[in-house]
Amino acid sequence: MFMTTTETIPGKELELLGMVKGAIIQSKNIGRDIGAGLKSIVGGELKGYTEMMEEARDMAVNRMIREAEALGADAIVCVRFSTSAVMPGAAEVMVFGTAVKYK
């Protein structure tokens, strides 16, 4: 599935099918939490959290793609990500865009 942050795809005429989205709420585990606490003492990247958020984004994107495929889409334009803390230790990752079909 082709995805872009732009509103158009050069050389393609698009038929809008509708908004599609994917979301996941991801919580940290005790191992990542302990490691992050130790890392915060000396500074630097919290790799466990980085990996957790990358996995969450991938899962949210896959859910959005499934929605787009169910509509018969060829691509998704105007793709945007949003994150928020929903409770201590848990974050929501949401991705959304417009499913389109090539004319």
PDB file of N, CA and C in Angstrom:
ATOM      1  N   MET A   1       0.851  -1.174   0.000  1.00  0.00           N
ATOM      2  CA  MET A   1       0.000   0.000   0.000  1.00  0.00           C
ATOM      3  C   MET A   1       0.893   1.233   0.000  1.00  0.00           C
ATOM      4  N   PHE A   2       0.677   2.103  -0.971  1.00  0.00           N
ATOM      5  CA  PHE A   2       1.441   3.348  -1.034  1.00  0.00           C
ATOM      6  C   PHE A   2       0.858   4.346  -0.041  1.00  0.00           C
ATOM      7  N   MET A   3       1.724   4.982   0.748  1.00  0.00           N
ATOM      8  CA  MET A   3       1.293   5.996   1.710  1.00  0.00           C
ATOM      9  C   MET A   3       2.157   7.230   1.554  1.00  0.00           C
ATOM     10  N   THR A   4       1.528   8.392   1.731  1.00  0.00           N
ATOM     11  CA  THR A   4       2.265   9.648   1.641  1.00  0.00           C
ATOM     12  C   THR A   4       1.653  10.680   2.573  1.00  0.00           C
ATOM     13  N   THR A   5       2.464  11.629   2.994  1.00  0.00           N
ATOM     14  CA  THR A   5       1.962  12.718   3.824  1.00  0.00           C
ATOM     15  C   THR A   5       1.377  13.846   2.980  1.00  0.00           C
ATOM     16  N   THR A   6       1.557  13.770   1.676  1.00  0.00           N
ATOM     17  CA  THR A   6       1.047  14.821   0.790  1.00  0.00           C
ATOM     18  C   THR A   6      -0.418  14.568   0.443  1.00  0.00           C
ATOM     19  N   GLU A   7      -1.073  15.615  -0.099  1.00  0.00           N
ATOM     20  CA  GLU A   7      -2.485  15.499  -0.474  1.00  0.00           C
ATOM     21  C   GLU A   7      -2.674  14.847  -1.839  1.00  0.00           C
ATOM     22  N   THR A   8      -1.642  14.848  -2.638  1.00  0.00           N
ATOM     23  CA  THR A   8      -1.740  14.306  -3.988  1.00  0.00           C
ATOM     24  C   THR A   8      -0.603  13.333  -4.242  1.00  0.00           C
ATOM     25  N   ILE A   9      -0.752  12.569  -5.321  1.00  0.00           N
ATOM     26  CA  ILE A   9       0.311  11.684  -5.783  1.00  0.00           C
ATOM     27  C   ILE A   9       0.613  12.132  -7.214  1.00  0.00           C
ATOM     28  N   PRO A  10       1.819  12.628  -7.470  1.00  0.00           N
ATOM     29  CA  PRO A  10       2.135  13.124  -8.807  1.00  0.00           C
ATOM     30  C   PRO A  10       1.814  12.095  -9.891  1.00  0.00           C
ATOM     31  N   GLY A  11       1.111  12.568 -10.919  1.00  0.00           N
ATOM     32  CA  GLY A  11       0.771  11.711 -12.044  1.00  0.00           C
ATOM     33  C   GLY A  11      -0.453  10.846 -11.837  1.00  0.00           C
ATOM     34  N   LYS A  12      -1.105  10.950 -10.693  1.00  0.00           N
ATOM     35  CA  LYS A  12      -2.279  10.123 -10.410  1.00  0.00           C
ATOM     36  C   LYS A  12      -3.496  11.015 -10.158  1.00  0.00           C
ATOM     37  N   GLU A  13      -4.612  10.627 -10.754  1.00  0.00           N
ATOM     38  CA  GLU A  13      -5.881  11.258 -10.423  1.00  0.00           C
ATOM     39  C   GLU A  13      -6.535  10.374  -9.377  1.00  0.00           C
ATOM     40  N   LEU A  14      -7.002  10.995  -8.292  1.00  0.00           N
ATOM     41  CA  LEU A  14      -7.460  10.228  -7.144  1.00  0.00           C
ATOM     42  C   LEU A  14      -8.951  10.350  -6.909  1.00  0.00           C
ATOM     43  N   GLU A  15      -9.544   9.236  -6.521  1.00  0.00           N
ATOM     44  CA  GLU A  15     -10.931   9.201  -6.051  1.00  0.00           C
ATOM     45  C   GLU A  15     -10.862   8.993  -4.544  1.00  0.00           C
ATOM     46  N   LEU A  16     -11.454   9.904  -3.778  1.00  0.00           N
ATOM     47  CA  LEU A  16     -11.424   9.813  -2.327  1.00  0.00           C
ATOM     48  C   LEU A  16     -12.405   8.754  -1.849  1.00  0.00           C
ATOM     49  N   LEU A  17     -11.941   7.868  -0.972  1.00  0.00           N
ATOM     50  CA  LEU A  17     -12.790   6.819  -0.426  1.00  0.00           C
ATOM     51  C   LEU A  17     -13.209   7.095   1.015  1.00  0.00           C
ATOM     52  N   GLY A  18     -12.426   7.864   1.724  1.00  0.00           N
ATOM     53  CA  GLY A  18     -12.762   8.198   3.103  1.00  0.00           C
ATOM     54  C   GLY A  18     -11.577   8.087   4.035  1.00  0.00           C
ATOM     55  N   MET A  19     -11.796   8.570   5.252  1.00  0.00           N
ATOM     56  CA  MET A  19     -10.749   8.543   6.259  1.00  0.00           C
ATOM     57  C   MET A  19     -10.555   7.114   6.780  1.00  0.00           C
ATOM     58  N   VAL A  20      -9.306   6.767   7.011  1.00  0.00           N
ATOM     59  CA  VAL A  20      -8.950   5.489   7.625  1.00  0.00           C
ATOM     60  C   VAL A  20      -8.015   5.781   8.791  1.00  0.00           C
ATOM     61  N   LYS A  21      -8.020   4.883   9.777  1.00  0.00           N
ATOM     62  CA  LYS A  21      -7.175   5.106  10.936  1.00  0.00           C
ATOM     63  C   LYS A  21      -6.756   3.784  11.534  1.00  0.00           C
ATOM     64  N   GLY A  22      -5.732   3.871  12.339  1.00  0.00           N
ATOM     65  CA  GLY A  22      -5.269   2.732  13.113  1.00  0.00           C
ATOM     66  C   GLY A  22      -4.778   3.253  14.443  1.00  0.00           C
ATOM     67  N   ALA A  23      -5.023   2.517  15.499  1.00  0.00           N
ATOM     68  CA  ALA A  23      -4.612   2.975  16.828  1.00  0.00           C
ATOM     69  C   ALA A  23      -4.216   1.797  17.694  1.00  0.00           C
ATOM     70  N   ILE A  24      -3.382   2.095  18.667  1.00  0.00           N
ATOM     71  CA  ILE A  24      -2.983   1.099  19.661  1.00  0.00           C
ATOM     72  C   ILE A  24      -2.625   1.844  20.942  1.00  0.00           C
ATOM     73  N   ILE A  25      -2.934   1.239  22.059  1.00  0.00           N
ATOM     74  CA  ILE A  25      -2.472   1.752  23.343  1.00  0.00           C
ATOM     75  C   ILE A  25      -1.427   0.770  23.838  1.00  0.00           C
ATOM     76  N   GLN A  26      -0.238   1.269  24.045  1.00  0.00           N
ATOM     77  CA  GLN A  26       0.909   0.440  24.415  1.00  0.00           C
ATOM     78  C   GLN A  26       1.346   0.806  25.822  1.00  0.00           C
ATOM     79  N   SER A  27       1.587  -0.192  26.640  1.00  0.00           N
ATOM     80  CA  SER A  27       2.088   0.078  27.993  1.00  0.00           C
ATOM     81  C   SER A  27       3.513  -0.424  28.107  1.00  0.00           C
ATOM     82  N   LYS A  28       4.237   0.195  29.009  1.00  0.00           N
ATOM     83  CA  LYS A  28       5.613  -0.243  29.242  1.00  0.00           C
ATOM     84  C   LYS A  28       5.607  -1.459  30.156  1.00  0.00           C
ATOM     85  N   ASN A  29       6.643  -2.261  30.026  1.00  0.00           N
ATOM     86  CA  ASN A  29       6.738  -3.415  30.925  1.00  0.00           C
ATOM     87  C   ASN A  29       7.779  -3.139  32.003  1.00  0.00           C
ATOM     88  N   ILE A  30       7.783  -3.937  33.006  1.00  0.00           N
ATOM     89  CA  ILE A  30       8.658  -3.701  34.159  1.00  0.00           C
ATOM     90  C   ILE A  30      10.135  -3.683  33.768  1.00  0.00           C
ATOM     91  N   GLY A  31      10.540  -4.548  32.838  1.00  0.00           N
ATOM     92  CA  GLY A  31      11.937  -4.572  32.398  1.00  0.00           C
ATOM     93  C   GLY A  31      12.343  -3.268  31.733  1.00  0.00           C
ATOM     94  N   ARG A  32      11.497  -2.768  30.836  1.00  0.00           N
ATOM     95  CA  ARG A  32      11.792  -1.494  30.177  1.00  0.00           C
ATOM     96  C   ARG A  32      11.766  -0.355  31.185  1.00  0.00           C
ATOM     97  N   ASP A  33      10.854  -0.420  32.146  1.00  0.00           N
ATOM     98  CA  ASP A  33      10.712   0.635  33.134  1.00  0.00           C
ATOM     99  C   ASP A  33      11.954   0.729  34.021  1.00  0.00           C
ATOM    100  N   ILE A  34      12.453  -0.413  34.470  1.00  0.00           N
ATOM    101  CA  ILE A  34      13.656  -0.422  35.310  1.00  0.00           C
ATOM    102  C   ILE A  34      14.849   0.089  34.512  1.00  0.00           C
ATOM    103  N   GLY A  35      14.984  -0.397  33.274  1.00  0.00           N
ATOM    104  CA  GLY A  35      16.094   0.049  32.424  1.00  0.00           C
ATOM    105  C   GLY A  35      16.028   1.538  32.144  1.00  0.00           C
ATOM    106  N   ALA A  36      14.833   2.050  31.909  1.00  0.00           N
ATOM    107  CA  ALA A  36      14.668   3.473  31.632  1.00  0.00           C
ATOM    108  C   ALA A  36      15.006   4.306  32.861  1.00  0.00           C
ATOM    109  N   GLY A  37      14.622   3.799  34.027  1.00  0.00           N
ATOM    110  CA  GLY A  37      14.933   4.515  35.259  1.00  0.00           C
ATOM    111  C   GLY A  37      16.435   4.625  35.475  1.00  0.00           C
ATOM    112  N   LEU A  38      17.151   3.542  35.211  1.00  0.00           N
ATOM    113  CA  LEU A  38      18.610   3.567  35.343  1.00  0.00           C
ATOM    114  C   LEU A  38      19.238   4.479  34.296  1.00  0.00           C
ATOM    115  N   LYS A  39      18.731   4.430  33.077  1.00  0.00           N
ATOM    116  CA  LYS A  39      19.287   5.241  31.999  1.00  0.00           C
ATOM    117  C   LYS A  39      19.059   6.727  32.268  1.00  0.00           C
ATOM    118  N   SER A  40      17.949   7.069  32.916  1.00  0.00           N
ATOM    119  CA  SER A  40      17.661   8.477  33.169  1.00  0.00           C
ATOM    120  C   SER A  40      18.677   9.096  34.122  1.00  0.00           C
ATOM    121  N   ILE A  41      19.371   8.270  34.874  1.00  0.00           N
ATOM    122  CA  ILE A  41      20.406   8.775  35.787  1.00  0.00           C
ATOM    123  C   ILE A  41      21.604   9.296  35.004  1.00  0.00           C
ATOM    124  N   VAL A  42      21.998   8.572  33.962  1.00  0.00           N
ATOM    125  CA  VAL A  42      23.194   8.957  33.201  1.00  0.00           C
ATOM    126  C   VAL A  42      22.866   9.671  31.894  1.00  0.00           C
ATOM    127  N   GLY A  43      21.614   9.643  31.468  1.00  0.00           N
ATOM    128  CA  GLY A  43      21.208  10.315  30.229  1.00  0.00           C
ATOM    129  C   GLY A  43      21.389   9.411  29.027  1.00  0.00           C
ATOM    130  N   GLY A  44      20.815   9.824  27.917  1.00  0.00           N
ATOM    131  CA  GLY A  44      20.924   9.078  26.670  1.00  0.00           C
ATOM    132  C   GLY A  44      19.583   8.533  26.218  1.00  0.00           C
ATOM    133  N   GLU A  45      19.613   7.877  25.096  1.00  0.00           N
ATOM    134  CA  GLU A  45      18.392   7.328  24.503  1.00  0.00           C
ATOM    135  C   GLU A  45      17.848   6.184  25.343  1.00  0.00           C
ATOM    136  N   LEU A  46      16.536   6.160  25.488  1.00  0.00           N
ATOM    137  CA  LEU A  46      15.860   5.058  26.163  1.00  0.00           C
ATOM    138  C   LEU A  46      15.453   4.059  25.083  1.00  0.00           C
ATOM    139  N   LYS A  47      16.387   3.198  24.709  1.00  0.00           N
ATOM    140  CA  LYS A  47      16.197   2.311  23.558  1.00  0.00           C
ATOM    141  C   LYS A  47      14.990   1.391  23.708  1.00  0.00           C
ATOM    142  N   GLY A  48      14.732   0.916  24.903  1.00  0.00           N
ATOM    143  CA  GLY A  48      13.566   0.060  25.118  1.00  0.00           C
ATOM    144  C   GLY A  48      12.271   0.783  24.768  1.00  0.00           C
ATOM    145  N   TYR A  49      12.182   2.048  25.151  1.00  0.00           N
ATOM    146  CA  TYR A  49      10.994   2.834  24.837  1.00  0.00           C
ATOM    147  C   TYR A  49      10.936   3.177  23.355  1.00  0.00           C
ATOM    148  N   THR A  50      12.079   3.472  22.772  1.00  0.00           N
ATOM    149  CA  THR A  50      12.116   3.749  21.338  1.00  0.00           C
ATOM    150  C   THR A  50      11.600   2.546  20.557  1.00  0.00           C
ATOM    151  N   GLU A  51      12.079   1.363  20.908  1.00  0.00           N
ATOM    152  CA  GLU A  51      11.622   0.134  20.249  1.00  0.00           C
ATOM    153  C   GLU A  51      10.131  -0.090  20.471  1.00  0.00           C
ATOM    154  N   MET A  52       9.662   0.151  21.705  1.00  0.00           N
ATOM    155  CA  MET A  52       8.250  -0.033  22.012  1.00  0.00           C
ATOM    156  C   MET A  52       7.383   0.890  21.149  1.00  0.00           C
ATOM    157  N   MET A  53       7.791   2.140  20.996  1.00  0.00           N
ATOM    158  CA  MET A  53       7.002   3.088  20.209  1.00  0.00           C
ATOM    159  C   MET A  53       7.090   2.773  18.717  1.00  0.00           C
ATOM    160  N   GLU A  54       8.233   2.299  18.239  1.00  0.00           N
ATOM    161  CA  GLU A  54       8.336   1.882  16.836  1.00  0.00           C
ATOM    162  C   GLU A  54       7.389   0.717  16.556  1.00  0.00           C
ATOM    163  N   GLU A  55       7.348  -0.244  17.453  1.00  0.00           N
ATOM    164  CA  GLU A  55       6.426  -1.382  17.301  1.00  0.00           C
ATOM    165  C   GLU A  55       4.977  -0.905  17.310  1.00  0.00           C
ATOM    166  N   ALA A  56       4.661   0.014  18.212  1.00  0.00           N
ATOM    167  CA  ALA A  56       3.294   0.536  18.300  1.00  0.00           C
ATOM    168  C   ALA A  56       2.912   1.268  17.013  1.00  0.00           C
ATOM    169  N   ARG A  57       3.822   2.075  16.465  1.00  0.00           N
ATOM    170  CA  ARG A  57       3.536   2.774  15.196  1.00  0.00           C
ATOM    171  C   ARG A  57       3.307   1.775  14.075  1.00  0.00           C
ATOM    172  N   ASP A  58       4.146   0.749  13.999  1.00  0.00           N
ATOM    173  CA  ASP A  58       3.986  -0.267  12.947  1.00  0.00           C
ATOM    174  C   ASP A  58       2.636  -0.966  13.059  1.00  0.00           C
ATOM    175  N   MET A  59       2.231  -1.304  14.276  1.00  0.00           N
ATOM    176  CA  MET A  59       0.943  -1.970  14.461  1.00  0.00           C
ATOM    177  C   MET A  59      -0.213  -1.045  14.085  1.00  0.00           C
ATOM    178  N   ALA A  60      -0.120   0.227  14.448  1.00  0.00           N
ATOM    179  CA  ALA A  60      -1.174   1.180  14.104  1.00  0.00           C
ATOM    180  C   ALA A  60      -1.255   1.354  12.586  1.00  0.00           C
ATOM    181  N   VAL A  61      -0.107   1.447  11.920  1.00  0.00           N
ATOM    182  CA  VAL A  61      -0.083   1.586  10.457  1.00  0.00           C
ATOM    183  C   VAL A  61      -0.717   0.359   9.809  1.00  0.00           C
ATOM    184  N   ASN A  62      -0.381  -0.827  10.284  1.00  0.00           N
ATOM    185  CA  ASN A  62      -0.961  -2.048   9.711  1.00  0.00           C
ATOM    186  C   ASN A  62      -2.475  -2.074   9.866  1.00  0.00           C
ATOM    187  N   ARG A  63      -2.981  -1.576  10.982  1.00  0.00           N
ATOM    188  CA  ARG A  63      -4.432  -1.512  11.176  1.00  0.00           C
ATOM    189  C   ARG A  63      -5.078  -0.517  10.204  1.00  0.00           C
ATOM    190  N   MET A  64      -4.406   0.615   9.981  1.00  0.00           N
ATOM    191  CA  MET A  64      -4.912   1.598   9.026  1.00  0.00           C
ATOM    192  C   MET A  64      -4.921   1.021   7.614  1.00  0.00           C
ATOM    193  N   ILE A  65      -3.867   0.319   7.255  1.00  0.00           N
ATOM    194  CA  ILE A  65      -3.783  -0.296   5.930  1.00  0.00           C
ATOM    195  C   ILE A  65      -4.912  -1.302   5.735  1.00  0.00           C
ATOM    196  N   ARG A  66      -5.196  -2.113   6.747  1.00  0.00           N
ATOM    197  CA  ARG A  66      -6.301  -3.076   6.642  1.00  0.00           C
ATOM    198  C   ARG A  66      -7.634  -2.370   6.385  1.00  0.00           C
ATOM    199  N   GLU A  67      -7.864  -1.241   7.057  1.00  0.00           N
ATOM    200  CA  GLU A  67      -9.092  -0.469   6.814  1.00  0.00           C
ATOM    201  C   GLU A  67      -9.139   0.025   5.374  1.00  0.00           C
ATOM    202  N   ALA A  68      -8.004   0.525   4.882  1.00  0.00           N
ATOM    203  CA  ALA A  68      -7.942   1.044   3.516  1.00  0.00           C
ATOM    204  C   ALA A  68      -8.165  -0.074   2.500  1.00  0.00           C
ATOM    205  N   GLU A  69      -7.558  -1.222   2.730  1.00  0.00           N
ATOM    206  CA  GLU A  69      -7.742  -2.358   1.820  1.00  0.00           C
ATOM    207  C   GLU A  69      -9.203  -2.799   1.789  1.00  0.00           C
ATOM    208  N   ALA A  70      -9.873  -2.752   2.935  1.00  0.00           N
ATOM    209  CA  ALA A  70     -11.287  -3.137   2.989  1.00  0.00           C
ATOM    210  C   ALA A  70     -12.155  -2.194   2.146  1.00  0.00           C
ATOM    211  N   LEU A  71     -11.693  -0.962   1.948  1.00  0.00           N
ATOM    212  CA  LEU A  71     -12.410  -0.005   1.108  1.00  0.00           C
ATOM    213  C   LEU A  71     -12.018  -0.121  -0.366  1.00  0.00           C
ATOM    214  N   GLY A  72     -11.023  -0.959  -0.664  1.00  0.00           N
ATOM    215  CA  GLY A  72     -10.539  -1.110  -2.030  1.00  0.00           C
ATOM    216  C   GLY A  72      -9.544  -0.043  -2.432  1.00  0.00           C
ATOM    217  N   ALA A  73      -8.863   0.543  -1.469  1.00  0.00           N
ATOM    218  CA  ALA A  73      -7.929   1.643  -1.739  1.00  0.00           C
ATOM    219  C   ALA A  73      -6.646   1.160  -2.410  1.00  0.00           C
ATOM    220  N   ASP A  74      -6.083   2.058  -3.203  1.00  0.00           N
ATOM    221  CA  ASP A  74      -4.765   1.835  -3.800  1.00  0.00           C
ATOM    222  C   ASP A  74      -3.673   2.516  -2.991  1.00  0.00           C
ATOM    223  N   ALA A  75      -4.052   3.559  -2.247  1.00  0.00           N
ATOM    224  CA  ALA A  75      -3.069   4.349  -1.509  1.00  0.00           C
ATOM    225  C   ALA A  75      -3.764   5.086  -0.366  1.00  0.00           C
ATOM    226  N   ILE A  76      -2.933   5.671   0.500  1.00  0.00           N
ATOM    227  CA  ILE A  76      -3.433   6.519   1.581  1.00  0.00           C
ATOM    228  C   ILE A  76      -2.648   7.826   1.521  1.00  0.00           C
ATOM    229  N   VAL A  77      -3.362   8.935   1.437  1.00  0.00           N
ATOM    230  CA  VAL A  77      -2.722  10.246   1.383  1.00  0.00           C
ATOM    231  C   VAL A  77      -2.987  11.003   2.685  1.00  0.00           C
ATOM    232  N   CYS A  78      -2.246  12.084   2.876  1.00  0.00           N
ATOM    233  CA  CYS A  78      -2.393  12.937   4.070  1.00  0.00           C
ATOM    234  C   CYS A  78      -2.190  12.149   5.361  1.00  0.00           C
ATOM    235  N   VAL A  79      -1.226  11.261   5.389  1.00  0.00           N
ATOM    236  CA  VAL A  79      -0.989  10.422   6.571  1.00  0.00           C
ATOM    237  C   VAL A  79      -0.398  11.273   7.696  1.00  0.00           C
ATOM    238  N   ARG A  80      -0.980  11.124   8.887  1.00  0.00           N
ATOM    239  CA  ARG A  80      -0.529  11.855  10.067  1.00  0.00           C
ATOM    240  C   ARG A  80      -0.499  10.915  11.264  1.00  0.00           C
ATOM    241  N   PHE A  81       0.422  11.190  12.180  1.00  0.00           N
ATOM    242  CA  PHE A  81       0.527  10.433  13.425  1.00  0.00           C
ATOM    243  C   PHE A  81       0.189  11.337  14.599  1.00  0.00           C
ATOM    244  N   SER A  82      -0.353  10.722  15.634  1.00  0.00           N
ATOM    245  CA  SER A  82      -0.649  11.430  16.871  1.00  0.00           C
ATOM    246  C   SER A  82      -0.337  10.491  18.026  1.00  0.00           C
ATOM    247  N   THR A  83       0.211  11.042  19.099  1.00  0.00           N
ATOM    248  CA  THR A  83       0.456  10.235  20.290  1.00  0.00           C
ATOM    249  C   THR A  83      -0.053  10.989  21.510  1.00  0.00           C
ATOM    250  N   SER A  84      -0.442  10.249  22.507  1.00  0.00           N
ATOM    251  CA  SER A  84      -0.855  10.878  23.764  1.00  0.00           C
ATOM    252  C   SER A  84      -0.702   9.870  24.892  1.00  0.00           C
ATOM    253  N   ALA A  85      -0.474  10.398  26.076  1.00  0.00           N
ATOM    254  CA  ALA A  85      -0.431   9.560  27.268  1.00  0.00           C
ATOM    255  C   ALA A  85      -1.868   9.381  27.740  1.00  0.00           C
ATOM    256  N   VAL A  86      -2.299   8.135  27.889  1.00  0.00           N
ATOM    257  CA  VAL A  86      -3.677   7.888  28.308  1.00  0.00           C
ATOM    258  C   VAL A  86      -3.778   7.599  29.805  1.00  0.00           C
ATOM    259  N   MET A  87      -2.668   7.211  30.391  1.00  0.00           N
ATOM    260  CA  MET A  87      -2.568   6.979  31.825  1.00  0.00           C
ATOM    261  C   MET A  87      -1.090   6.814  32.135  1.00  0.00           C
ATOM    262  N   PRO A  88      -0.697   6.889  33.387  1.00  0.00           N
ATOM    263  CA  PRO A  88       0.726   6.696  33.689  1.00  0.00           C
ATOM    264  C   PRO A  88       1.220   5.348  33.162  1.00  0.00           C
ATOM    265  N   GLY A  89       2.255   5.387  32.361  1.00  0.00           N
ATOM    266  CA  GLY A  89       2.840   4.156  31.842  1.00  0.00           C
ATOM    267  C   GLY A  89       2.223   3.616  30.576  1.00  0.00           C
ATOM    268  N   ALA A  90       1.266   4.356  29.968  1.00  0.00           N
ATOM    269  CA  ALA A  90       0.628   3.881  28.733  1.00  0.00           C
ATOM    270  C   ALA A  90       0.446   5.039  27.764  1.00  0.00           C
ATOM    271  N   ALA A  91       0.749   4.771  26.498  1.00  0.00           N
ATOM    272  CA  ALA A  91       0.618   5.795  25.467  1.00  0.00           C
ATOM    273  C   ALA A  91      -0.217   5.262  24.316  1.00  0.00           C
ATOM    274  N   GLU A  92      -1.001   6.155  23.720  1.00  0.00           N
ATOM    275  CA  GLU A  92      -1.767   5.809  22.525  1.00  0.00           C
ATOM    276  C   GLU A  92      -1.015   6.333  21.311  1.00  0.00           C
ATOM    277  N   VAL A  93      -0.932   5.504  20.294  1.00  0.00           N
ATOM    278  CA  VAL A  93      -0.396   5.920  18.997  1.00  0.00           C
ATOM    279  C   VAL A  93      -1.545   5.798  18.006  1.00  0.00           C
ATOM    280  N   MET A  94      -1.823   6.883  17.304  1.00  0.00           N
ATOM    281  CA  MET A  94      -2.880   6.867  16.296  1.00  0.00           C
ATOM    282  C   MET A  94      -2.286   7.368  14.986  1.00  0.00           C
ATOM    283  N   VAL A  95      -2.662   6.721  13.913  1.00  0.00           N
ATOM    284  CA  VAL A  95      -2.281   7.155  12.575  1.00  0.00           C
ATOM    285  C   VAL A  95      -3.568   7.252  11.768  1.00  0.00           C
ATOM    286  N   PHE A  96      -3.660   8.279  10.938  1.00  0.00           N
ATOM    287  CA  PHE A  96      -4.863   8.444  10.134  1.00  0.00           C
ATOM    288  C   PHE A  96      -4.507   9.085   8.803  1.00  0.00           C
ATOM    289  N   GLY A  97      -5.369   8.900   7.832  1.00  0.00           N
ATOM    290  CA  GLY A  97      -5.165   9.453   6.500  1.00  0.00           C
ATOM    291  C   GLY A  97      -6.423   9.269   5.683  1.00  0.00           C
ATOM    292  N   THR A  98      -6.307   9.590   4.396  1.00  0.00           N
ATOM    293  CA  THR A  98      -7.440   9.465   3.478  1.00  0.00           C
ATOM    294  C   THR A  98      -7.153   8.345   2.492  1.00  0.00           C
ATOM    295  N   ALA A  99      -8.035   7.352   2.465  1.00  0.00           N
ATOM    296  CA  ALA A  99      -7.905   6.252   1.509  1.00  0.00           C
ATOM    297  C   ALA A  99      -8.348   6.751   0.139  1.00  0.00           C
ATOM    298  N   VAL A 100      -7.557   6.395  -0.893  1.00  0.00           N
ATOM    299  CA  VAL A 100      -7.869   6.824  -2.256  1.00  0.00           C
ATOM    300  C   VAL A 100      -7.730   5.650  -3.220  1.00  0.00           C
ATOM    301  N   LYS A 101      -8.419   5.788  -4.317  1.00  0.00           N
ATOM    302  CA  LYS A 101      -8.335   4.824  -5.421  1.00  0.00           C
ATOM    303  C   LYS A 101      -7.852   5.599  -6.628  1.00  0.00           C
ATOM    304  N   TYR A 102      -6.988   4.977  -7.439  1.00  0.00           N
ATOM    305  CA  TYR A 102      -6.527   5.617  -8.660  1.00  0.00           C
ATOM    306  C   TYR A 102      -7.641   5.572  -9.703  1.00  0.00           C
ATOM    307  N   LYS A 103      -7.851   6.702 -10.375  1.00  0.00           N
ATOM    308  CA  LYS A 103      -8.856   6.745 -11.454  1.00  0.00           C
ATOM    309  C   LYS A 103      -8.237   6.257 -12.750  1.00  0.00           C
TER     310      LYS A 103
END
